[in-house]
Amino acid sequence: MRDIYLYDDCDVLKNLLNIKDAKLLNEAEADYVVYRLKDVAKNPLPGDYTYEHLLRLHEFIFQDLYEWAGQQRKINIYKEEP
């Protein structure tokens, strides 16, 4: 079964920026996430760190990159780290 979170023509996560190069997406993700994390550090999302609160936090952090940010996964995904 093909991973529903990947583009059909490459092994890159579908993203709102339509970046299909893994290195470029990693760089864009780093830039956007740092910006959002700085914002949430200054203005914390209210909540008590329940599962729903963590989904809202995920949505806030990744909203610029992924349509599915803040949604429960339909299949497990992982990101390899060096």
PDB file of N, CA and C in Angstrom:
ATOM      1  N   MET A   1       0.846  -1.188   0.000  1.00  0.00           N
ATOM      2  CA  MET A   1       0.000   0.000   0.000  1.00  0.00           C
ATOM      3  C   MET A   1       0.892   1.252   0.000  1.00  0.00           C
ATOM      4  N   ARG A   2       0.590   2.146  -0.880  1.00  0.00           N
ATOM      5  CA  ARG A   2       1.326   3.403  -0.986  1.00  0.00           C
ATOM      6  C   ARG A   2       0.968   4.301   0.196  1.00  0.00           C
ATOM      7  N   ASP A   3       1.956   4.961   0.753  1.00  0.00           N
ATOM      8  CA  ASP A   3       1.767   5.889   1.862  1.00  0.00           C
ATOM      9  C   ASP A   3       0.922   7.066   1.378  1.00  0.00           C
ATOM     10  N   ILE A   4      -0.218   7.278   1.997  1.00  0.00           N
ATOM     11  CA  ILE A   4      -1.142   8.335   1.568  1.00  0.00           C
ATOM     12  C   ILE A   4      -0.611   9.735   1.846  1.00  0.00           C
ATOM     13  N   TYR A   5       0.427   9.839   2.668  1.00  0.00           N
ATOM     14  CA  TYR A   5       0.985  11.144   3.001  1.00  0.00           C
ATOM     15  C   TYR A   5       2.089  11.573   2.034  1.00  0.00           C
ATOM     16  N   LEU A   6       2.451  10.679   1.100  1.00  0.00           N
ATOM     17  CA  LEU A   6       3.508  10.980   0.134  1.00  0.00           C
ATOM     18  C   LEU A   6       2.930  11.324  -1.223  1.00  0.00           C
ATOM     19  N   TYR A   7       3.658  12.133  -1.981  1.00  0.00           N
ATOM     20  CA  TYR A   7       3.290  12.373  -3.369  1.00  0.00           C
ATOM     21  C   TYR A   7       3.365  11.056  -4.131  1.00  0.00           C
ATOM     22  N   ASP A   8       2.551  10.911  -5.169  1.00  0.00           N
ATOM     23  CA  ASP A   8       2.539   9.688  -5.972  1.00  0.00           C
ATOM     24  C   ASP A   8       3.827   9.490  -6.757  1.00  0.00           C
ATOM     25  N   ASP A   9       4.473  10.588  -7.134  1.00  0.00           N
ATOM     26  CA  ASP A   9       5.638  10.486  -8.011  1.00  0.00           C
ATOM     27  C   ASP A   9       6.984  10.623  -7.290  1.00  0.00           C
ATOM     28  N   CYS A  10       6.976  10.738  -5.950  1.00  0.00           N
ATOM     29  CA  CYS A  10       8.233  10.801  -5.203  1.00  0.00           C
ATOM     30  C   CYS A  10       7.965  10.473  -3.739  1.00  0.00           C
ATOM     31  N   ASP A  11       9.011  10.195  -3.006  1.00  0.00           N
ATOM     32  CA  ASP A  11       8.889   9.842  -1.590  1.00  0.00           C
ATOM     33  C   ASP A  11       9.072  11.066  -0.697  1.00  0.00           C
ATOM     34  N   VAL A  12       8.245  12.069  -0.934  1.00  0.00           N
ATOM     35  CA  VAL A  12       8.274  13.305  -0.158  1.00  0.00           C
ATOM     36  C   VAL A  12       6.858  13.546   0.368  1.00  0.00           C
ATOM     37  N   LEU A  13       6.769  14.003   1.622  1.00  0.00           N
ATOM     38  CA  LEU A  13       5.456  14.295   2.200  1.00  0.00           C
ATOM     39  C   LEU A  13       4.725  15.361   1.380  1.00  0.00           C
ATOM     40  N   LYS A  14       3.455  15.120   1.121  1.00  0.00           N
ATOM     41  CA  LYS A  14       2.633  16.132   0.457  1.00  0.00           C
ATOM     42  C   LYS A  14       2.622  17.367   1.350  1.00  0.00           C
ATOM     43  N   ASN A  15       2.816  18.521   0.746  1.00  0.00           N
ATOM     44  CA  ASN A  15       2.910  19.731   1.545  1.00  0.00           C
ATOM     45  C   ASN A  15       2.253  20.899   0.824  1.00  0.00           C
ATOM     46  N   LEU A  16       1.890  21.908   1.573  1.00  0.00           N
ATOM     47  CA  LEU A  16       1.186  23.069   1.037  1.00  0.00           C
ATOM     48  C   LEU A  16       2.068  23.926   0.139  1.00  0.00           C
ATOM     49  N   LEU A  17       3.375  23.741   0.220  1.00  0.00           N
ATOM     50  CA  LEU A  17       4.304  24.503  -0.606  1.00  0.00           C
ATOM     51  C   LEU A  17       4.600  23.776  -1.920  1.00  0.00           C
ATOM     52  N   ASN A  18       4.075  22.574  -2.047  1.00  0.00           N
ATOM     53  CA  ASN A  18       4.274  21.736  -3.238  1.00  0.00           C
ATOM     54  C   ASN A  18       5.764  21.492  -3.525  1.00  0.00           C
ATOM     55  N   ILE A  19       6.535  21.339  -2.467  1.00  0.00           N
ATOM     56  CA  ILE A  19       7.957  21.019  -2.595  1.00  0.00           C
ATOM     57  C   ILE A  19       8.089  19.509  -2.725  1.00  0.00           C
ATOM     58  N   LYS A  20       8.775  19.072  -3.773  1.00  0.00           N
ATOM     59  CA  LYS A  20       8.937  17.632  -3.999  1.00  0.00           C
ATOM     60  C   LYS A  20      10.380  17.172  -3.843  1.00  0.00           C
ATOM     61  N   ASP A  21      11.226  18.026  -3.347  1.00  0.00           N
ATOM     62  CA  ASP A  21      12.616  17.693  -3.067  1.00  0.00           C
ATOM     63  C   ASP A  21      12.758  17.577  -1.549  1.00  0.00           C
ATOM     64  N   ALA A  22      13.171  16.412  -1.063  1.00  0.00           N
ATOM     65  CA  ALA A  22      13.222  16.153   0.377  1.00  0.00           C
ATOM     66  C   ALA A  22      14.120  17.147   1.116  1.00  0.00           C
ATOM     67  N   LYS A  23      15.264  17.472   0.547  1.00  0.00           N
ATOM     68  CA  LYS A  23      16.185  18.406   1.202  1.00  0.00           C
ATOM     69  C   LYS A  23      15.557  19.799   1.328  1.00  0.00           C
ATOM     70  N   LEU A  24      14.922  20.254   0.260  1.00  0.00           N
ATOM     71  CA  LEU A  24      14.271  21.565   0.304  1.00  0.00           C
ATOM     72  C   LEU A  24      13.110  21.586   1.295  1.00  0.00           C
ATOM     73  N   LEU A  25      12.356  20.489   1.350  1.00  0.00           N
ATOM     74  CA  LEU A  25      11.244  20.420   2.305  1.00  0.00           C
ATOM     75  C   LEU A  25      11.780  20.431   3.732  1.00  0.00           C
ATOM     76  N   ASN A  26      12.857  19.703   3.998  1.00  0.00           N
ATOM     77  CA  ASN A  26      13.446  19.719   5.341  1.00  0.00           C
ATOM     78  C   ASN A  26      13.881  21.121   5.732  1.00  0.00           C
ATOM     79  N   GLU A  27      14.461  21.850   4.796  1.00  0.00           N
ATOM     80  CA  GLU A  27      14.899  23.222   5.076  1.00  0.00           C
ATOM     81  C   GLU A  27      13.702  24.135   5.328  1.00  0.00           C
ATOM     82  N   ALA A  28      12.677  24.014   4.512  1.00  0.00           N
ATOM     83  CA  ALA A  28      11.477  24.831   4.697  1.00  0.00           C
ATOM     84  C   ALA A  28      10.808  24.492   6.029  1.00  0.00           C
ATOM     85  N   GLU A  29      10.730  23.196   6.333  1.00  0.00           N
ATOM     86  CA  GLU A  29      10.116  22.775   7.586  1.00  0.00           C
ATOM     87  C   GLU A  29      10.876  23.359   8.772  1.00  0.00           C
ATOM     88  N   ALA A  30      12.182  23.311   8.732  1.00  0.00           N
ATOM     89  CA  ALA A  30      12.986  23.863   9.826  1.00  0.00           C
ATOM     90  C   ALA A  30      12.691  25.350  10.011  1.00  0.00           C
ATOM     91  N   ASP A  31      12.630  26.088   8.920  1.00  0.00           N
ATOM     92  CA  ASP A  31      12.367  27.532   9.001  1.00  0.00           C
ATOM     93  C   ASP A  31      10.982  27.824   9.574  1.00  0.00           C
ATOM     94  N   TYR A  32       9.965  27.165   9.032  1.00  0.00           N
ATOM     95  CA  TYR A  32       8.594  27.421   9.491  1.00  0.00           C
ATOM     96  C   TYR A  32       8.391  26.981  10.937  1.00  0.00           C
ATOM     97  N   VAL A  33       8.927  25.820  11.286  1.00  0.00           N
ATOM     98  CA  VAL A  33       8.735  25.295  12.636  1.00  0.00           C
ATOM     99  C   VAL A  33       9.416  26.182  13.672  1.00  0.00           C
ATOM    100  N   VAL A  34      10.614  26.651  13.383  1.00  0.00           N
ATOM    101  CA  VAL A  34      11.296  27.548  14.316  1.00  0.00           C
ATOM    102  C   VAL A  34      10.456  28.809  14.546  1.00  0.00           C
ATOM    103  N   TYR A  35       9.919  29.361  13.461  1.00  0.00           N
ATOM    104  CA  TYR A  35       9.080  30.554  13.576  1.00  0.00           C
ATOM    105  C   TYR A  35       7.862  30.281  14.473  1.00  0.00           C
ATOM    106  N   ARG A  36       7.174  29.177  14.217  1.00  0.00           N
ATOM    107  CA  ARG A  36       5.978  28.851  15.000  1.00  0.00           C
ATOM    108  C   ARG A  36       6.312  28.509  16.446  1.00  0.00           C
ATOM    109  N   LEU A  37       7.431  27.815  16.676  1.00  0.00           N
ATOM    110  CA  LEU A  37       7.816  27.479  18.050  1.00  0.00           C
ATOM    111  C   LEU A  37       8.159  28.731  18.846  1.00  0.00           C
ATOM    112  N   LYS A  38       8.812  29.703  18.207  1.00  0.00           N
ATOM    113  CA  LYS A  38       9.087  30.970  18.892  1.00  0.00           C
ATOM    114  C   LYS A  38       7.777  31.652  19.272  1.00  0.00           C
ATOM    115  N   ASP A  39       6.812  31.617  18.357  1.00  0.00           N
ATOM    116  CA  ASP A  39       5.515  32.236  18.616  1.00  0.00           C
ATOM    117  C   ASP A  39       4.801  31.549  19.770  1.00  0.00           C
ATOM    118  N   VAL A  40       4.780  30.228  19.756  1.00  0.00           N
ATOM    119  CA  VAL A  40       4.067  29.508  20.819  1.00  0.00           C
ATOM    120  C   VAL A  40       4.811  29.629  22.159  1.00  0.00           C
ATOM    121  N   ALA A  41       6.122  29.837  22.124  1.00  0.00           N
ATOM    122  CA  ALA A  41       6.864  30.056  23.369  1.00  0.00           C
ATOM    123  C   ALA A  41       6.457  31.384  24.007  1.00  0.00           C
ATOM    124  N   LYS A  42       6.203  32.392  23.181  1.00  0.00           N
ATOM    125  CA  LYS A  42       5.782  33.698  23.683  1.00  0.00           C
ATOM    126  C   LYS A  42       4.303  33.728  24.040  1.00  0.00           C
ATOM    127  N   ASN A  43       3.503  32.964  23.285  1.00  0.00           N
ATOM    128  CA  ASN A  43       2.049  32.951  23.459  1.00  0.00           C
ATOM    129  C   ASN A  43       1.558  31.506  23.535  1.00  0.00           C
ATOM    130  N   PRO A  44       1.734  30.862  24.685  1.00  0.00           N
ATOM    131  CA  PRO A  44       1.362  29.444  24.797  1.00  0.00           C
ATOM    132  C   PRO A  44      -0.108  29.191  24.462  1.00  0.00           C
ATOM    133  N   LEU A  45      -0.338  28.056  23.836  1.00  0.00           N
ATOM    134  CA  LEU A  45      -1.716  27.644  23.572  1.00  0.00           C
ATOM    135  C   LEU A  45      -2.335  27.177  24.878  1.00  0.00           C
ATOM    136  N   PRO A  46      -3.471  27.736  25.242  1.00  0.00           N
ATOM    137  CA  PRO A  46      -4.082  27.299  26.497  1.00  0.00           C
ATOM    138  C   PRO A  46      -4.533  25.847  26.386  1.00  0.00           C
ATOM    139  N   GLY A  47      -4.393  25.127  27.461  1.00  0.00           N
ATOM    140  CA  GLY A  47      -4.825  23.737  27.490  1.00  0.00           C
ATOM    141  C   GLY A  47      -4.073  22.970  28.549  1.00  0.00           C
ATOM    142  N   ASP A  48      -4.476  21.738  28.725  1.00  0.00           N
ATOM    143  CA  ASP A  48      -3.892  20.929  29.791  1.00  0.00           C
ATOM    144  C   ASP A  48      -3.130  19.714  29.254  1.00  0.00           C
ATOM    145  N   TYR A  49      -2.644  19.825  28.024  1.00  0.00           N
ATOM    146  CA  TYR A  49      -1.806  18.804  27.397  1.00  0.00           C
ATOM    147  C   TYR A  49      -2.482  17.439  27.307  1.00  0.00           C
ATOM    148  N   THR A  50      -3.765  17.478  27.025  1.00  0.00           N
ATOM    149  CA  THR A  50      -4.480  16.264  26.669  1.00  0.00           C
ATOM    150  C   THR A  50      -4.128  15.928  25.223  1.00  0.00           C
ATOM    151  N   TYR A  51      -4.611  14.797  24.742  1.00  0.00           N
ATOM    152  CA  TYR A  51      -4.373  14.414  23.354  1.00  0.00           C
ATOM    153  C   TYR A  51      -4.897  15.487  22.402  1.00  0.00           C
ATOM    154  N   GLU A  52      -6.080  16.010  22.666  1.00  0.00           N
ATOM    155  CA  GLU A  52      -6.675  17.040  21.817  1.00  0.00           C
ATOM    156  C   GLU A  52      -5.829  18.314  21.835  1.00  0.00           C
ATOM    157  N   HIS A  53      -5.299  18.671  22.989  1.00  0.00           N
ATOM    158  CA  HIS A  53      -4.442  19.847  23.089  1.00  0.00           C
ATOM    159  C   HIS A  53      -3.165  19.655  22.274  1.00  0.00           C
ATOM    160  N   LEU A  54      -2.583  18.468  22.335  1.00  0.00           N
ATOM    161  CA  LEU A  54      -1.380  18.192  21.560  1.00  0.00           C
ATOM    162  C   LEU A  54      -1.663  18.224  20.060  1.00  0.00           C
ATOM    163  N   LEU A  55      -2.854  17.785  19.643  1.00  0.00           N
ATOM    164  CA  LEU A  55      -3.226  17.900  18.227  1.00  0.00           C
ATOM    165  C   LEU A  55      -3.315  19.368  17.813  1.00  0.00           C
ATOM    166  N   ARG A  56      -3.874  20.212  18.670  1.00  0.00           N
ATOM    167  CA  ARG A  56      -3.949  21.648  18.365  1.00  0.00           C
ATOM    168  C   ARG A  56      -2.554  22.262  18.283  1.00  0.00           C
ATOM    169  N   LEU A  57      -1.674  21.828  19.155  1.00  0.00           N
ATOM    170  CA  LEU A  57      -0.294  22.303  19.131  1.00  0.00           C
ATOM    171  C   LEU A  57       0.395  21.869  17.834  1.00  0.00           C
ATOM    172  N   HIS A  58       0.192  20.624  17.435  1.00  0.00           N
ATOM    173  CA  HIS A  58       0.755  20.115  16.175  1.00  0.00           C
ATOM    174  C   HIS A  58       0.223  20.928  14.998  1.00  0.00           C
ATOM    175  N   GLU A  59      -1.076  21.220  15.016  1.00  0.00           N
ATOM    176  CA  GLU A  59      -1.671  22.018  13.946  1.00  0.00           C
ATOM    177  C   GLU A  59      -1.044  23.405  13.896  1.00  0.00           C
ATOM    178  N   PHE A  60      -0.867  24.019  15.045  1.00  0.00           N
ATOM    179  CA  PHE A  60      -0.282  25.355  15.086  1.00  0.00           C
ATOM    180  C   PHE A  60       1.135  25.349  14.520  1.00  0.00           C
ATOM    181  N   ILE A  61       1.930  24.382  14.934  1.00  0.00           N
ATOM    182  CA  ILE A  61       3.334  24.336  14.527  1.00  0.00           C
ATOM    183  C   ILE A  61       3.498  24.039  13.042  1.00  0.00           C
ATOM    184  N   PHE A  62       2.667  23.138  12.495  1.00  0.00           N
ATOM    185  CA  PHE A  62       2.842  22.678  11.121  1.00  0.00           C
ATOM    186  C   PHE A  62       1.803  23.226  10.136  1.00  0.00           C
ATOM    187  N   GLN A  63       1.001  24.202  10.548  1.00  0.00           N
ATOM    188  CA  GLN A  63      -0.083  24.718   9.719  1.00  0.00           C
ATOM    189  C   GLN A  63       0.363  25.276   8.371  1.00  0.00           C
ATOM    190  N   ASP A  64       1.562  25.773   8.290  1.00  0.00           N
ATOM    191  CA  ASP A  64       2.057  26.367   7.051  1.00  0.00           C
ATOM    192  C   ASP A  64       2.539  25.320   6.050  1.00  0.00           C
ATOM    193  N   LEU A  65       2.678  24.091   6.517  1.00  0.00           N
ATOM    194  CA  LEU A  65       3.328  23.064   5.706  1.00  0.00           C
ATOM    195  C   LEU A  65       2.421  21.918   5.260  1.00  0.00           C
ATOM    196  N   TYR A  66       1.553  21.464   6.147  1.00  0.00           N
ATOM    197  CA  TYR A  66       0.808  20.238   5.867  1.00  0.00           C
ATOM    198  C   TYR A  66      -0.687  20.418   6.084  1.00  0.00           C
ATOM    199  N   GLU A  67      -1.458  20.009   5.093  1.00  0.00           N
ATOM    200  CA  GLU A  67      -2.916  20.075   5.184  1.00  0.00           C
ATOM    201  C   GLU A  67      -3.429  19.261   6.369  1.00  0.00           C
ATOM    202  N   TRP A  68      -2.752  18.191   6.671  1.00  0.00           N
ATOM    203  CA  TRP A  68      -3.193  17.276   7.729  1.00  0.00           C
ATOM    204  C   TRP A  68      -2.636  17.632   9.104  1.00  0.00           C
ATOM    205  N   ALA A  69      -2.019  18.786   9.245  1.00  0.00           N
ATOM    206  CA  ALA A  69      -1.475  19.196  10.545  1.00  0.00           C
ATOM    207  C   ALA A  69      -2.585  19.202  11.590  1.00  0.00           C
ATOM    208  N   GLY A  70      -2.309  18.596  12.718  1.00  0.00           N
ATOM    209  CA  GLY A  70      -3.274  18.563  13.813  1.00  0.00           C
ATOM    210  C   GLY A  70      -4.319  17.475  13.710  1.00  0.00           C
ATOM    211  N   GLN A  71      -4.239  16.642  12.697  1.00  0.00           N
ATOM    212  CA  GLN A  71      -5.196  15.546  12.538  1.00  0.00           C
ATOM    213  C   GLN A  71      -4.561  14.229  12.965  1.00  0.00           C
ATOM    214  N   GLN A  72      -5.394  13.347  13.473  1.00  0.00           N
ATOM    215  CA  GLN A  72      -4.911  12.014  13.824  1.00  0.00           C
ATOM    216  C   GLN A  72      -4.508  11.288  12.549  1.00  0.00           C
ATOM    217  N   ARG A  73      -3.403  10.582  12.588  1.00  0.00           N
ATOM    218  CA  ARG A  73      -2.913   9.854  11.416  1.00  0.00           C
ATOM    219  C   ARG A  73      -3.853   8.725  11.017  1.00  0.00           C
ATOM    220  N   LYS A  74      -3.946   8.516   9.715  1.00  0.00           N
ATOM    221  CA  LYS A  74      -4.703   7.380   9.193  1.00  0.00           C
ATOM    222  C   LYS A  74      -3.803   6.153   9.104  1.00  0.00           C
ATOM    223  N   ILE A  75      -2.496   6.397   8.898  1.00  0.00           N
ATOM    224  CA  ILE A  75      -1.486   5.345   8.943  1.00  0.00           C
ATOM    225  C   ILE A  75      -0.275   5.917   9.669  1.00  0.00           C
ATOM    226  N   ASN A  76       0.566   5.070  10.216  1.00  0.00           N
ATOM    227  CA  ASN A  76       1.768   5.543  10.897  1.00  0.00           C
ATOM    228  C   ASN A  76       2.769   6.065   9.882  1.00  0.00           C
ATOM    229  N   ILE A  77       3.427   7.161  10.237  1.00  0.00           N
ATOM    230  CA  ILE A  77       4.513   7.670   9.426  1.00  0.00           C
ATOM    231  C   ILE A  77       5.700   7.906  10.340  1.00  0.00           C
ATOM    232  N   TYR A  78       6.863   7.990   9.768  1.00  0.00           N
ATOM    233  CA  TYR A  78       8.044   8.317  10.531  1.00  0.00           C
ATOM    234  C   TYR A  78       8.995   9.087   9.643  1.00  0.00           C
ATOM    235  N   LYS A  79       9.889   9.784  10.270  1.00  0.00           N
ATOM    236  CA  LYS A  79      10.872  10.579   9.547  1.00  0.00           C
ATOM    237  C   LYS A  79      12.247  10.109   9.993  1.00  0.00           C
ATOM    238  N   GLU A  80      13.029   9.635   9.048  1.00  0.00           N
ATOM    239  CA  GLU A  80      14.361   9.170   9.396  1.00  0.00           C
ATOM    240  C   GLU A  80      15.240  10.345   9.779  1.00  0.00           C
ATOM    241  N   GLU A  81      16.032  10.153  10.794  1.00  0.00           N
ATOM    242  CA  GLU A  81      16.956  11.172  11.260  1.00  0.00           C
ATOM    243  C   GLU A  81      18.379  10.693  11.008  1.00  0.00           C
ATOM    244  N   PRO A  82      19.284  11.620  10.745  1.00  0.00           N
ATOM    245  CA  PRO A  82      20.691  11.208  10.510  1.00  0.00           C
ATOM    246  C   PRO A  82      21.324  10.631  11.759  1.00  0.00           C
TER     247      PRO A  82
END
